[in-house]
Amino acid sequence: MRKNYDFSKSIKNPYARRLKQQITIRLDKEAIDYFKKLAVEMGISYQVLINLFLRDCALSRKKPTFRWEKAA
């Protein structure tokens, strides 16, 4: 490996703005198991599958539907 490299003629990565951002998110074990099993069936990693699913929801502006149960 060289000690010095010449980057004077380099160009910016045109895909840099599309790079992914690492976050921490807490998911139910059941949700993770579901995506892991589905990912094996589809032949992709479960992280990619979850990203594709969430991206599809964001692009189509889907909103979750749920009902809160009143406490007894």
PDB file of N, CA and C in Angstrom:
ATOM      1  N   MET A   1       0.831  -1.173   0.000  1.00  0.00           N
ATOM      2  CA  MET A   1       0.000   0.000   0.000  1.00  0.00           C
ATOM      3  C   MET A   1       0.881   1.244   0.000  1.00  0.00           C
ATOM      4  N   ARG A   2       0.491   2.226  -0.757  1.00  0.00           N
ATOM      5  CA  ARG A   2       1.266   3.458  -0.825  1.00  0.00           C
ATOM      6  C   ARG A   2       1.117   4.274   0.450  1.00  0.00           C
ATOM      7  N   LYS A   3       2.121   5.089   0.718  1.00  0.00           N
ATOM      8  CA  LYS A   3       2.036   5.993   1.863  1.00  0.00           C
ATOM      9  C   LYS A   3       1.207   7.218   1.508  1.00  0.00           C
ATOM     10  N   ASN A   4       1.275   7.642   0.245  1.00  0.00           N
ATOM     11  CA  ASN A   4       0.528   8.824  -0.199  1.00  0.00           C
ATOM     12  C   ASN A   4      -0.233   8.506  -1.484  1.00  0.00           C
ATOM     13  N   TYR A   5      -1.400   9.082  -1.598  1.00  0.00           N
ATOM     14  CA  TYR A   5      -2.222   8.921  -2.795  1.00  0.00           C
ATOM     15  C   TYR A   5      -2.548  10.298  -3.356  1.00  0.00           C
ATOM     16  N   ASP A   6      -2.694  10.366  -4.676  1.00  0.00           N
ATOM     17  CA  ASP A   6      -3.026  11.630  -5.333  1.00  0.00           C
ATOM     18  C   ASP A   6      -4.520  11.640  -5.668  1.00  0.00           C
ATOM     19  N   PHE A   7      -5.269  12.469  -4.964  1.00  0.00           N
ATOM     20  CA  PHE A   7      -6.702  12.578  -5.188  1.00  0.00           C
ATOM     21  C   PHE A   7      -7.074  13.845  -5.952  1.00  0.00           C
ATOM     22  N   SER A   8      -6.088  14.506  -6.557  1.00  0.00           N
ATOM     23  CA  SER A   8      -6.341  15.777  -7.237  1.00  0.00           C
ATOM     24  C   SER A   8      -7.265  15.630  -8.446  1.00  0.00           C
ATOM     25  N   LYS A   9      -7.311  14.465  -9.065  1.00  0.00           N
ATOM     26  CA  LYS A   9      -8.162  14.255 -10.233  1.00  0.00           C
ATOM     27  C   LYS A   9      -9.404  13.413  -9.905  1.00  0.00           C
ATOM     28  N   SER A  10      -9.690  13.266  -8.636  1.00  0.00           N
ATOM     29  CA  SER A  10     -10.844  12.452  -8.236  1.00  0.00           C
ATOM     30  C   SER A  10     -12.136  13.243  -8.417  1.00  0.00           C
ATOM     31  N   ILE A  11     -13.240  12.515  -8.498  1.00  0.00           N
ATOM     32  CA  ILE A  11     -14.557  13.141  -8.600  1.00  0.00           C
ATOM     33  C   ILE A  11     -15.412  12.655  -7.440  1.00  0.00           C
ATOM     34  N   LYS A  12     -16.405  13.465  -7.077  1.00  0.00           N
ATOM     35  CA  LYS A  12     -17.292  13.090  -5.981  1.00  0.00           C
ATOM     36  C   LYS A  12     -18.152  11.905  -6.395  1.00  0.00           C
ATOM     37  N   ASN A  13     -18.495  11.087  -5.423  1.00  0.00           N
ATOM     38  CA  ASN A  13     -19.373   9.941  -5.651  1.00  0.00           C
ATOM     39  C   ASN A  13     -20.773  10.463  -5.985  1.00  0.00           C
ATOM     40  N   PRO A  14     -21.285  10.176  -7.187  1.00  0.00           N
ATOM     41  CA  PRO A  14     -22.617  10.681  -7.548  1.00  0.00           C
ATOM     42  C   PRO A  14     -23.747  10.030  -6.748  1.00  0.00           C
ATOM     43  N   TYR A  15     -23.461   8.934  -6.084  1.00  0.00           N
ATOM     44  CA  TYR A  15     -24.472   8.232  -5.305  1.00  0.00           C
ATOM     45  C   TYR A  15     -24.384   8.546  -3.812  1.00  0.00           C
ATOM     46  N   ALA A  16     -23.479   9.416  -3.426  1.00  0.00           N
ATOM     47  CA  ALA A  16     -23.232   9.692  -2.011  1.00  0.00           C
ATOM     48  C   ALA A  16     -24.482  10.186  -1.295  1.00  0.00           C
ATOM     49  N   ARG A  17     -25.317  10.962  -1.974  1.00  0.00           N
ATOM     50  CA  ARG A  17     -26.510  11.474  -1.304  1.00  0.00           C
ATOM     51  C   ARG A  17     -27.537  10.378  -1.055  1.00  0.00           C
ATOM     52  N   ARG A  18     -27.401   9.252  -1.739  1.00  0.00           N
ATOM     53  CA  ARG A  18     -28.345   8.144  -1.564  1.00  0.00           C
ATOM     54  C   ARG A  18     -27.835   7.099  -0.568  1.00  0.00           C
ATOM     55  N   LEU A  19     -26.705   7.378   0.073  1.00  0.00           N
ATOM     56  CA  LEU A  19     -26.161   6.422   1.033  1.00  0.00           C
ATOM     57  C   LEU A  19     -27.103   6.264   2.212  1.00  0.00           C
ATOM     58  N   LYS A  20     -27.045   5.133   2.836  1.00  0.00           N
ATOM     59  CA  LYS A  20     -27.932   4.844   3.956  1.00  0.00           C
ATOM     60  C   LYS A  20     -27.362   5.404   5.245  1.00  0.00           C
ATOM     61  N   GLN A  21     -28.258   5.699   6.163  1.00  0.00           N
ATOM     62  CA  GLN A  21     -27.869   6.219   7.466  1.00  0.00           C
ATOM     63  C   GLN A  21     -28.142   5.155   8.513  1.00  0.00           C
ATOM     64  N   GLN A  22     -27.152   4.890   9.333  1.00  0.00           N
ATOM     65  CA  GLN A  22     -27.324   3.886  10.377  1.00  0.00           C
ATOM     66  C   GLN A  22     -28.069   4.501  11.553  1.00  0.00           C
ATOM     67  N   ILE A  23     -29.079   3.767  12.039  1.00  0.00           N
ATOM     68  CA  ILE A  23     -29.854   4.202  13.202  1.00  0.00           C
ATOM     69  C   ILE A  23     -30.028   3.024  14.145  1.00  0.00           C
ATOM     70  N   THR A  24     -30.504   3.321  15.327  1.00  0.00           N
ATOM     71  CA  THR A  24     -30.871   2.270  16.269  1.00  0.00           C
ATOM     72  C   THR A  24     -32.387   2.278  16.368  1.00  0.00           C
ATOM     73  N   ILE A  25     -32.992   1.121  16.222  1.00  0.00           N
ATOM     74  CA  ILE A  25     -34.445   1.011  16.285  1.00  0.00           C
ATOM     75  C   ILE A  25     -34.798  -0.258  17.058  1.00  0.00           C
ATOM     76  N   ARG A  26     -35.810  -0.165  17.874  1.00  0.00           N
ATOM     77  CA  ARG A  26     -36.246  -1.320  18.659  1.00  0.00           C
ATOM     78  C   ARG A  26     -37.471  -1.931  17.994  1.00  0.00           C
ATOM     79  N   LEU A  27     -37.375  -3.213  17.678  1.00  0.00           N
ATOM     80  CA  LEU A  27     -38.466  -3.930  17.025  1.00  0.00           C
ATOM     81  C   LEU A  27     -38.841  -5.143  17.860  1.00  0.00           C
ATOM     82  N   ASP A  28     -40.111  -5.517  17.790  1.00  0.00           N
ATOM     83  CA  ASP A  28     -40.565  -6.730  18.474  1.00  0.00           C
ATOM     84  C   ASP A  28     -39.856  -7.948  17.888  1.00  0.00           C
ATOM     85  N   LYS A  29     -39.616  -8.947  18.737  1.00  0.00           N
ATOM     86  CA  LYS A  29     -38.985 -10.177  18.281  1.00  0.00           C
ATOM     87  C   LYS A  29     -39.803 -10.825  17.173  1.00  0.00           C
ATOM     88  N   GLU A  30     -41.121 -10.768  17.294  1.00  0.00           N
ATOM     89  CA  GLU A  30     -41.995 -11.371  16.281  1.00  0.00           C
ATOM     90  C   GLU A  30     -41.816 -10.691  14.921  1.00  0.00           C
ATOM     91  N   ALA A  31     -41.670  -9.377  14.925  1.00  0.00           N
ATOM     92  CA  ALA A  31     -41.481  -8.638  13.671  1.00  0.00           C
ATOM     93  C   ALA A  31     -40.142  -9.002  13.028  1.00  0.00           C
ATOM     94  N   ILE A  32     -39.098  -9.078  13.840  1.00  0.00           N
ATOM     95  CA  ILE A  32     -37.781  -9.448  13.317  1.00  0.00           C
ATOM     96  C   ILE A  32     -37.802 -10.866  12.768  1.00  0.00           C
ATOM     97  N   ASP A  33     -38.405 -11.789  13.512  1.00  0.00           N
ATOM     98  CA  ASP A  33     -38.491 -13.181  13.050  1.00  0.00           C
ATOM     99  C   ASP A  33     -39.239 -13.282  11.727  1.00  0.00           C
ATOM    100  N   TYR A  34     -40.321 -12.515  11.600  1.00  0.00           N
ATOM    101  CA  TYR A  34     -41.108 -12.522  10.365  1.00  0.00           C
ATOM    102  C   TYR A  34     -40.245 -12.074   9.182  1.00  0.00           C
ATOM    103  N   PHE A  35     -39.547 -10.947   9.340  1.00  0.00           N
ATOM    104  CA  PHE A  35     -38.731 -10.422   8.236  1.00  0.00           C
ATOM    105  C   PHE A  35     -37.528 -11.321   7.952  1.00  0.00           C
ATOM    106  N   LYS A  36     -36.960 -11.942   8.979  1.00  0.00           N
ATOM    107  CA  LYS A  36     -35.842 -12.861   8.747  1.00  0.00           C
ATOM    108  C   LYS A  36     -36.290 -14.073   7.936  1.00  0.00           C
ATOM    109  N   LYS A  37     -37.450 -14.621   8.285  1.00  0.00           N
ATOM    110  CA  LYS A  37     -37.964 -15.785   7.559  1.00  0.00           C
ATOM    111  C   LYS A  37     -38.290 -15.405   6.115  1.00  0.00           C
ATOM    112  N   LEU A  38     -38.952 -14.287   5.925  1.00  0.00           N
ATOM    113  CA  LEU A  38     -39.301 -13.821   4.590  1.00  0.00           C
ATOM    114  C   LEU A  38     -38.047 -13.520   3.768  1.00  0.00           C
ATOM    115  N   ALA A  39     -37.035 -12.966   4.413  1.00  0.00           N
ATOM    116  CA  ALA A  39     -35.784 -12.642   3.723  1.00  0.00           C
ATOM    117  C   ALA A  39     -35.090 -13.908   3.216  1.00  0.00           C
ATOM    118  N   VAL A  40     -35.120 -14.977   4.009  1.00  0.00           N
ATOM    119  CA  VAL A  40     -34.523 -16.246   3.580  1.00  0.00           C
ATOM    120  C   VAL A  40     -35.255 -16.764   2.347  1.00  0.00           C
ATOM    121  N   GLU A  41     -36.595 -16.691   2.372  1.00  0.00           N
ATOM    122  CA  GLU A  41     -37.392 -17.133   1.222  1.00  0.00           C
ATOM    123  C   GLU A  41     -37.065 -16.333  -0.038  1.00  0.00           C
ATOM    124  N   MET A  42     -36.802 -15.032   0.145  1.00  0.00           N
ATOM    125  CA  MET A  42     -36.555 -14.156  -0.999  1.00  0.00           C
ATOM    126  C   MET A  42     -35.078 -14.092  -1.393  1.00  0.00           C
ATOM    127  N   GLY A  43     -34.206 -14.604  -0.530  1.00  0.00           N
ATOM    128  CA  GLY A  43     -32.777 -14.624  -0.839  1.00  0.00           C
ATOM    129  C   GLY A  43     -32.077 -13.292  -0.662  1.00  0.00           C
ATOM    130  N   ILE A  44     -32.565 -12.455   0.272  1.00  0.00           N
ATOM    131  CA  ILE A  44     -31.910 -11.183   0.570  1.00  0.00           C
ATOM    132  C   ILE A  44     -31.772 -11.052   2.075  1.00  0.00           C
ATOM    133  N   SER A  45     -31.002 -10.075   2.528  1.00  0.00           N
ATOM    134  CA  SER A  45     -30.849  -9.903   3.974  1.00  0.00           C
ATOM    135  C   SER A  45     -32.108  -9.270   4.549  1.00  0.00           C
ATOM    136  N   TYR A  46     -32.363  -9.546   5.816  1.00  0.00           N
ATOM    137  CA  TYR A  46     -33.576  -9.024   6.427  1.00  0.00           C
ATOM    138  C   TYR A  46     -33.511  -7.508   6.587  1.00  0.00           C
ATOM    139  N   GLN A  47     -32.306  -6.945   6.766  1.00  0.00           N
ATOM    140  CA  GLN A  47     -32.182  -5.491   6.865  1.00  0.00           C
ATOM    141  C   GLN A  47     -32.587  -4.827   5.559  1.00  0.00           C
ATOM    142  N   VAL A  48     -32.168  -5.412   4.436  1.00  0.00           N
ATOM    143  CA  VAL A  48     -32.537  -4.874   3.124  1.00  0.00           C
ATOM    144  C   VAL A  48     -34.048  -4.990   2.939  1.00  0.00           C
ATOM    145  N   LEU A  49     -34.623  -6.115   3.341  1.00  0.00           N
ATOM    146  CA  LEU A  49     -36.057  -6.326   3.207  1.00  0.00           C
ATOM    147  C   LEU A  49     -36.844  -5.309   4.028  1.00  0.00           C
ATOM    148  N   ILE A  50     -36.439  -5.087   5.264  1.00  0.00           N
ATOM    149  CA  ILE A  50     -37.119  -4.095   6.103  1.00  0.00           C
ATOM    150  C   ILE A  50     -36.995  -2.711   5.487  1.00  0.00           C
ATOM    151  N   ASN A  51     -35.809  -2.368   4.968  1.00  0.00           N
ATOM    152  CA  ASN A  51     -35.614  -1.069   4.321  1.00  0.00           C
ATOM    153  C   ASN A  51     -36.528  -0.930   3.103  1.00  0.00           C
ATOM    154  N   LEU A  52     -36.597  -1.977   2.274  1.00  0.00           N
ATOM    155  CA  LEU A  52     -37.466  -1.922   1.098  1.00  0.00           C
ATOM    156  C   LEU A  52     -38.931  -1.744   1.497  1.00  0.00           C
ATOM    157  N   PHE A  53     -39.354  -2.445   2.535  1.00  0.00           N
ATOM    158  CA  PHE A  53     -40.728  -2.345   3.005  1.00  0.00           C
ATOM    159  C   PHE A  53     -41.031  -0.943   3.515  1.00  0.00           C
ATOM    160  N   LEU A  54     -40.153  -0.407   4.349  1.00  0.00           N
ATOM    161  CA  LEU A  54     -40.364   0.935   4.898  1.00  0.00           C
ATOM    162  C   LEU A  54     -40.297   1.995   3.802  1.00  0.00           C
ATOM    163  N   ARG A  55     -39.394   1.809   2.850  1.00  0.00           N
ATOM    164  CA  ARG A  55     -39.286   2.764   1.746  1.00  0.00           C
ATOM    165  C   ARG A  55     -40.565   2.760   0.904  1.00  0.00           C
ATOM    166  N   ASP A  56     -41.107   1.571   0.647  1.00  0.00           N
ATOM    167  CA  ASP A  56     -42.357   1.467  -0.098  1.00  0.00           C
ATOM    168  C   ASP A  56     -43.484   2.179   0.647  1.00  0.00           C
ATOM    169  N   CYS A  57     -43.541   1.998   1.959  1.00  0.00           N
ATOM    170  CA  CYS A  57     -44.555   2.682   2.768  1.00  0.00           C
ATOM    171  C   CYS A  57     -44.385   4.197   2.684  1.00  0.00           C
ATOM    172  N   ALA A  58     -43.154   4.666   2.756  1.00  0.00           N
ATOM    173  CA  ALA A  58     -42.888   6.106   2.706  1.00  0.00           C
ATOM    174  C   ALA A  58     -43.238   6.688   1.341  1.00  0.00           C
ATOM    175  N   LEU A  59     -42.862   5.995   0.272  1.00  0.00           N
ATOM    176  CA  LEU A  59     -43.129   6.501  -1.071  1.00  0.00           C
ATOM    177  C   LEU A  59     -44.621   6.541  -1.386  1.00  0.00           C
ATOM    178  N   SER A  60     -45.368   5.573  -0.873  1.00  0.00           N
ATOM    179  CA  SER A  60     -46.812   5.544  -1.130  1.00  0.00           C
ATOM    180  C   SER A  60     -47.595   6.257  -0.030  1.00  0.00           C
ATOM    181  N   ARG A  61     -46.878   6.880   0.899  1.00  0.00           N
ATOM    182  CA  ARG A  61     -47.485   7.660   1.987  1.00  0.00           C
ATOM    183  C   ARG A  61     -48.481   6.849   2.817  1.00  0.00           C
ATOM    184  N   LYS A  62     -48.138   5.579   3.046  1.00  0.00           N
ATOM    185  CA  LYS A  62     -49.004   4.724   3.873  1.00  0.00           C
ATOM    186  C   LYS A  62     -48.923   5.180   5.323  1.00  0.00           C
ATOM    187  N   LYS A  63     -50.045   5.076   5.995  1.00  0.00           N
ATOM    188  CA  LYS A  63     -50.097   5.400   7.419  1.00  0.00           C
ATOM    189  C   LYS A  63     -50.602   4.175   8.159  1.00  0.00           C
ATOM    190  N   PRO A  64     -50.073   3.913   9.341  1.00  0.00           N
ATOM    191  CA  PRO A  64     -50.520   2.735  10.090  1.00  0.00           C
ATOM    192  C   PRO A  64     -51.951   2.912  10.588  1.00  0.00           C
ATOM    193  N   THR A  65     -52.643   1.817  10.682  1.00  0.00           N
ATOM    194  CA  THR A  65     -53.988   1.832  11.263  1.00  0.00           C
ATOM    195  C   THR A  65     -53.963   0.949  12.507  1.00  0.00           C
ATOM    196  N   PHE A  66     -54.434   1.501  13.587  1.00  0.00           N
ATOM    197  CA  PHE A  66     -54.485   0.755  14.834  1.00  0.00           C
ATOM    198  C   PHE A  66     -55.505   1.411  15.758  1.00  0.00           C
ATOM    199  N   ARG A  67     -55.916   0.658  16.754  1.00  0.00           N
ATOM    200  CA  ARG A  67     -56.865   1.175  17.750  1.00  0.00           C
ATOM    201  C   ARG A  67     -56.254   1.033  19.134  1.00  0.00           C
ATOM    202  N   TRP A  68     -56.411   2.056  19.922  1.00  0.00           N
ATOM    203  CA  TRP A  68     -55.957   1.996  21.300  1.00  0.00           C
ATOM    204  C   TRP A  68     -57.059   1.366  22.151  1.00  0.00           C
ATOM    205  N   GLU A  69     -56.672   0.425  22.973  1.00  0.00           N
ATOM    206  CA  GLU A  69     -57.618  -0.196  23.882  1.00  0.00           C
ATOM    207  C   GLU A  69     -57.667   0.655  25.154  1.00  0.00           C
ATOM    208  N   LYS A  70     -58.890   0.892  25.635  1.00  0.00           N
ATOM    209  CA  LYS A  70     -59.036   1.659  26.871  1.00  0.00           C
ATOM    210  C   LYS A  70     -58.628   0.782  28.053  1.00  0.00           C
ATOM    211  N   ALA A  71     -57.908   1.383  28.984  1.00  0.00           N
ATOM    212  CA  ALA A  71     -57.477   0.662  30.178  1.00  0.00           C
ATOM    213  C   ALA A  71     -58.693   0.375  31.060  1.00  0.00           C
ATOM    214  N   ALA A  72     -58.718  -0.791  31.646  1.00  0.00           N
ATOM    215  CA  ALA A  72     -59.866  -1.185  32.483  1.00  0.00           C
ATOM    216  C   ALA A  72     -59.796  -0.570  33.850  1.00  0.00           C
TER     217      ALA A  72
END
